[in-house]
Amino acid sequence: MSDANVWGDAWDPGEDWSGGGALSKRLPRGDVLGATVYELGPSNFAVYHFHHGAEELLIVLRGSPTLRTPDGDRVLEEGEVVHFPPGPAGAHGIRNDTDEPVRYVMVSDHPSPVVAEYPDLGQITAQARTGSQTGERLWLVYDVPSESD
């Protein structure tokens, strides 16, 4: 594991789970509860999504991110905490519309399997920590047919 300090600048290598260019690092976690620190540079974002069966809690550490929810957009302040319940009511996306970095912690429970929806991408994912019939960890992406399909 990388630097477990939320203020440290050591970032995990690998895939960009935000979908929009964020730096990230996983913090110490258990079997169910986990947290990740994200840093969004100017114009970076975390894609709009929601989870079925998982809750998330966002804590703004630095900067003024813009939060998108089903209720619209609003700018968050440093220290602000926002809860996202499971299902469509908990849909959220975060973007940095400023010229300074934005840093936040996302805390969530990690059920397995988990299903997430990405309305802007027209995708639904299913993931699990267990293997599938392919011998690999379960990770499926379903492209929702558009109305024109």
C-alpha atoms as a PDB file:
ATOM      1  CA  MET A   1       0.000   0.000   0.000  1.00  0.00           C
ATOM      2  CA  SER A   2       1.141   3.526  -0.690  1.00  0.00           C
ATOM      3  CA  ASP A   3       1.328   6.446   1.698  1.00  0.00           C
ATOM      4  CA  ALA A   4      -1.736   6.182   3.989  1.00  0.00           C
ATOM      5  CA  ASN A   5      -1.645   9.871   4.963  1.00  0.00           C
ATOM      6  CA  VAL A   6      -4.457  11.935   3.360  1.00  0.00           C
ATOM      7  CA  TRP A   7      -2.015  14.842   2.870  1.00  0.00           C
ATOM      8  CA  GLY A   8       0.768  12.767   1.307  1.00  0.00           C
ATOM      9  CA  ASP A   9       1.479  13.001  -2.413  1.00  0.00           C
ATOM     10  CA  ALA A  10       2.226   9.324  -3.085  1.00  0.00           C
ATOM     11  CA  TRP A  11      -0.483   8.022  -5.450  1.00  0.00           C
ATOM     12  CA  ASP A  12      -1.434   4.477  -6.409  1.00  0.00           C
ATOM     13  CA  PRO A  13      -0.387   3.511  -9.924  1.00  0.00           C
ATOM     14  CA  GLY A  14      -2.854   1.882 -12.253  1.00  0.00           C
ATOM     15  CA  GLU A  15      -6.295   2.487 -13.589  1.00  0.00           C
ATOM     16  CA  ASP A  16      -8.140   5.777 -13.197  1.00  0.00           C
ATOM     17  CA  TRP A  17     -11.280   4.675 -11.343  1.00  0.00           C
ATOM     18  CA  SER A  18     -12.674   8.226 -11.486  1.00  0.00           C
ATOM     19  CA  GLY A  19     -12.996   8.131 -15.267  1.00  0.00           C
ATOM     20  CA  GLY A  20     -11.812  11.739 -15.459  1.00  0.00           C
ATOM     21  CA  GLY A  21      -8.123  11.957 -14.656  1.00  0.00           C
ATOM     22  CA  ALA A  22      -8.075  11.837 -10.840  1.00  0.00           C
ATOM     23  CA  LEU A  23      -5.101  10.760  -8.786  1.00  0.00           C
ATOM     24  CA  SER A  24      -6.064   8.249  -6.088  1.00  0.00           C
ATOM     25  CA  LYS A  25      -4.763   6.144  -3.228  1.00  0.00           C
ATOM     26  CA  ARG A  26      -6.516   3.538  -1.169  1.00  0.00           C
ATOM     27  CA  LEU A  27      -6.419   4.033   2.586  1.00  0.00           C
ATOM     28  CA  PRO A  28      -6.274   1.121   5.057  1.00  0.00           C
ATOM     29  CA  ARG A  29      -9.478  -0.916   4.752  1.00  0.00           C
ATOM     30  CA  GLY A  30     -11.278  -3.876   6.181  1.00  0.00           C
ATOM     31  CA  ASP A  31     -13.488  -6.493   4.597  1.00  0.00           C
ATOM     32  CA  VAL A  32     -16.476  -4.121   4.422  1.00  0.00           C
ATOM     33  CA  LEU A  33     -15.382  -0.521   5.110  1.00  0.00           C
ATOM     34  CA  GLY A  34     -12.887   1.312   2.920  1.00  0.00           C
ATOM     35  CA  ALA A  35     -11.755   4.768   1.902  1.00  0.00           C
ATOM     36  CA  THR A  36      -9.838   6.355  -0.958  1.00  0.00           C
ATOM     37  CA  VAL A  37      -8.236   9.795  -1.273  1.00  0.00           C
ATOM     38  CA  TYR A  38      -8.734  11.491  -4.643  1.00  0.00           C
ATOM     39  CA  GLU A  39      -7.131  14.594  -6.079  1.00  0.00           C
ATOM     40  CA  LEU A  40      -8.677  16.322  -9.073  1.00  0.00           C
ATOM     41  CA  GLY A  41      -6.570  18.756 -11.035  1.00  0.00           C
ATOM     42  CA  PRO A  42      -8.256  21.610 -12.900  1.00  0.00           C
ATOM     43  CA  SER A  43     -10.890  20.244 -15.323  1.00  0.00           C
ATOM     44  CA  ASN A  44     -10.633  16.687 -13.895  1.00  0.00           C
ATOM     45  CA  PHE A  45     -13.727  14.859 -12.682  1.00  0.00           C
ATOM     46  CA  ALA A  46     -15.170  11.699 -11.149  1.00  0.00           C
ATOM     47  CA  VAL A  47     -17.841  10.324 -13.460  1.00  0.00           C
ATOM     48  CA  TYR A  48     -21.532  10.583 -12.477  1.00  0.00           C
ATOM     49  CA  HIS A  49     -22.704   7.248 -11.026  1.00  0.00           C
ATOM     50  CA  PHE A  50     -24.597   5.447  -8.292  1.00  0.00           C
ATOM     51  CA  HIS A  51     -24.317   2.101  -6.550  1.00  0.00           C
ATOM     52  CA  HIS A  52     -26.937  -0.531  -5.813  1.00  0.00           C
ATOM     53  CA  GLY A  53     -26.339  -1.769  -2.270  1.00  0.00           C
ATOM     54  CA  ALA A  54     -23.405   0.489  -1.321  1.00  0.00           C
ATOM     55  CA  GLU A  55     -23.335   3.795   0.528  1.00  0.00           C
ATOM     56  CA  GLU A  56     -20.658   6.464   0.118  1.00  0.00           C
ATOM     57  CA  LEU A  57     -19.552   9.448   2.184  1.00  0.00           C
ATOM     58  CA  LEU A  58     -17.527  12.318   0.668  1.00  0.00           C
ATOM     59  CA  ILE A  59     -15.286  14.530   2.839  1.00  0.00           C
ATOM     60  CA  VAL A  60     -13.757  17.604   1.159  1.00  0.00           C
ATOM     61  CA  LEU A  61     -10.173  18.138   2.342  1.00  0.00           C
ATOM     62  CA  ARG A  62      -8.968  20.881  -0.002  1.00  0.00           C
ATOM     63  CA  GLY A  63     -10.469  23.096  -2.664  1.00  0.00           C
ATOM     64  CA  SER A  64     -13.994  23.745  -3.879  1.00  0.00           C
ATOM     65  CA  PRO A  65     -15.293  20.838  -5.980  1.00  0.00           C
ATOM     66  CA  THR A  66     -18.577  21.027  -7.847  1.00  0.00           C
ATOM     67  CA  LEU A  67     -20.914  18.206  -6.860  1.00  0.00           C
ATOM     68  CA  ARG A  68     -23.554  16.970  -9.281  1.00  0.00           C
ATOM     69  CA  THR A  69     -26.536  15.073  -7.838  1.00  0.00           C
ATOM     70  CA  PRO A  70     -30.089  14.429  -9.067  1.00  0.00           C
ATOM     71  CA  ASP A  71     -30.939  17.786  -7.416  1.00  0.00           C
ATOM     72  CA  GLY A  72     -28.443  19.680  -9.602  1.00  0.00           C
ATOM     73  CA  ASP A  73     -24.955  21.153  -9.166  1.00  0.00           C
ATOM     74  CA  ARG A  74     -23.508  22.899  -6.131  1.00  0.00           C
ATOM     75  CA  VAL A  75     -20.039  23.975  -5.045  1.00  0.00           C
ATOM     76  CA  LEU A  76     -18.756  22.313  -1.880  1.00  0.00           C
ATOM     77  CA  GLU A  77     -16.523  23.939   0.725  1.00  0.00           C
ATOM     78  CA  GLU A  78     -13.468  22.553   2.489  1.00  0.00           C
ATOM     79  CA  GLY A  79     -14.581  20.375   5.391  1.00  0.00           C
ATOM     80  CA  GLU A  80     -18.011  19.677   3.933  1.00  0.00           C
ATOM     81  CA  VAL A  81     -19.333  16.114   4.230  1.00  0.00           C
ATOM     82  CA  VAL A  82     -21.985  14.613   1.925  1.00  0.00           C
ATOM     83  CA  HIS A  83     -23.713  11.200   2.179  1.00  0.00           C
ATOM     84  CA  PHE A  84     -24.824   9.220  -0.886  1.00  0.00           C
ATOM     85  CA  PRO A  85     -27.408   6.476  -0.242  1.00  0.00           C
ATOM     86  CA  PRO A  86     -27.692   3.405  -2.464  1.00  0.00           C
ATOM     87  CA  GLY A  87     -29.762   3.667  -5.629  1.00  0.00           C
ATOM     88  CA  PRO A  88     -30.583   6.508  -8.025  1.00  0.00           C
ATOM     89  CA  ALA A  89     -31.170   9.011  -5.185  1.00  0.00           C
ATOM     90  CA  GLY A  90     -27.460   8.666  -4.333  1.00  0.00           C
ATOM     91  CA  ALA A  91     -26.179   9.453  -7.836  1.00  0.00           C
ATOM     92  CA  HIS A  92     -23.191  11.790  -7.787  1.00  0.00           C
ATOM     93  CA  GLY A  93     -20.299  13.126  -9.811  1.00  0.00           C
ATOM     94  CA  ILE A  94     -17.540  15.498  -8.745  1.00  0.00           C
ATOM     95  CA  ARG A  95     -15.598  17.895 -10.941  1.00  0.00           C
ATOM     96  CA  ASN A  96     -12.979  20.576 -10.465  1.00  0.00           C
ATOM     97  CA  ASP A  97     -14.044  23.809 -12.166  1.00  0.00           C
ATOM     98  CA  THR A  98     -11.292  25.806 -10.406  1.00  0.00           C
ATOM     99  CA  ASP A  99      -7.621  26.498 -11.164  1.00  0.00           C
ATOM    100  CA  GLU A 100      -6.434  24.787  -7.951  1.00  0.00           C
ATOM    101  CA  PRO A 101      -6.305  21.075  -7.027  1.00  0.00           C
ATOM    102  CA  VAL A 102      -9.288  19.567  -5.207  1.00  0.00           C
ATOM    103  CA  ARG A 103      -8.674  16.755  -2.697  1.00  0.00           C
ATOM    104  CA  TYR A 104     -11.322  14.626  -1.026  1.00  0.00           C
ATOM    105  CA  VAL A 105     -11.845  11.325   0.756  1.00  0.00           C
ATOM    106  CA  MET A 106     -14.545   8.902  -0.345  1.00  0.00           C
ATOM    107  CA  VAL A 107     -15.569   6.390   2.325  1.00  0.00           C
ATOM    108  CA  SER A 108     -17.803   3.460   1.447  1.00  0.00           C
ATOM    109  CA  ASP A 109     -18.881   0.039   2.420  1.00  0.00           C
ATOM    110  CA  HIS A 110     -17.732  -2.579  -0.081  1.00  0.00           C
ATOM    111  CA  PRO A 111     -20.332  -5.277  -0.543  1.00  0.00           C
ATOM    112  CA  SER A 112     -19.564  -8.059  -2.955  1.00  0.00           C
ATOM    113  CA  PRO A 113     -21.016  -8.291  -5.494  1.00  0.00           C
ATOM    114  CA  VAL A 114     -21.758  -4.666  -6.281  1.00  0.00           C
ATOM    115  CA  VAL A 115     -23.700  -3.162  -9.171  1.00  0.00           C
ATOM    116  CA  ALA A 116     -23.097   0.425 -10.293  1.00  0.00           C
ATOM    117  CA  GLU A 117     -24.806   2.522 -12.950  1.00  0.00           C
ATOM    118  CA  TYR A 118     -23.244   5.280 -15.046  1.00  0.00           C
ATOM    119  CA  PRO A 119     -26.155   7.202 -16.621  1.00  0.00           C
ATOM    120  CA  ASP A 120     -23.984   9.543 -18.728  1.00  0.00           C
ATOM    121  CA  LEU A 121     -22.025   6.592 -20.147  1.00  0.00           C
ATOM    122  CA  GLY A 122     -25.065   4.368 -20.616  1.00  0.00           C
ATOM    123  CA  GLN A 123     -23.381   1.570 -18.666  1.00  0.00           C
ATOM    124  CA  ILE A 124     -24.063  -0.751 -15.759  1.00  0.00           C
ATOM    125  CA  THR A 125     -21.234  -2.687 -14.110  1.00  0.00           C
ATOM    126  CA  ALA A 126     -21.252  -5.779 -11.917  1.00  0.00           C
ATOM    127  CA  GLN A 127     -18.185  -6.583  -9.837  1.00  0.00           C
ATOM    128  CA  ALA A 128     -17.250  -9.089  -7.172  1.00  0.00           C
ATOM    129  CA  ARG A 129     -14.161 -10.050  -5.229  1.00  0.00           C
ATOM    130  CA  THR A 130     -14.861 -13.658  -6.118  1.00  0.00           C
ATOM    131  CA  GLY A 131     -13.941 -15.458  -9.315  1.00  0.00           C
ATOM    132  CA  SER A 132     -16.343 -16.085 -12.156  1.00  0.00           C
ATOM    133  CA  GLN A 133     -16.731 -18.961 -14.609  1.00  0.00           C
ATOM    134  CA  THR A 134     -13.980 -17.354 -16.677  1.00  0.00           C
ATOM    135  CA  GLY A 135     -11.497 -17.936 -13.843  1.00  0.00           C
ATOM    136  CA  GLU A 136     -11.025 -14.178 -13.450  1.00  0.00           C
ATOM    137  CA  ARG A 137     -12.524 -11.858 -10.858  1.00  0.00           C
ATOM    138  CA  LEU A 138     -16.106 -10.960 -11.805  1.00  0.00           C
ATOM    139  CA  TRP A 139     -16.118  -7.668 -13.726  1.00  0.00           C
ATOM    140  CA  LEU A 140     -18.868  -7.092 -16.269  1.00  0.00           C
ATOM    141  CA  VAL A 141     -19.834  -3.961 -18.194  1.00  0.00           C
ATOM    142  CA  TYR A 142     -23.290  -3.828 -19.773  1.00  0.00           C
ATOM    143  CA  ASP A 143     -23.960  -1.163 -22.373  1.00  0.00           C
ATOM    144  CA  VAL A 144     -27.563  -0.032 -21.971  1.00  0.00           C
ATOM    145  CA  PRO A 145     -29.248   0.206 -25.381  1.00  0.00           C
ATOM    146  CA  SER A 146     -30.096   3.774 -26.317  1.00  0.00           C
ATOM    147  CA  GLU A 147     -33.629   4.713 -27.361  1.00  0.00           C
ATOM    148  CA  SER A 148     -32.434   4.819 -30.975  1.00  0.00           C
ATOM    149  CA  ASP A 149     -31.139   1.191 -30.856  1.00  0.00           C
END
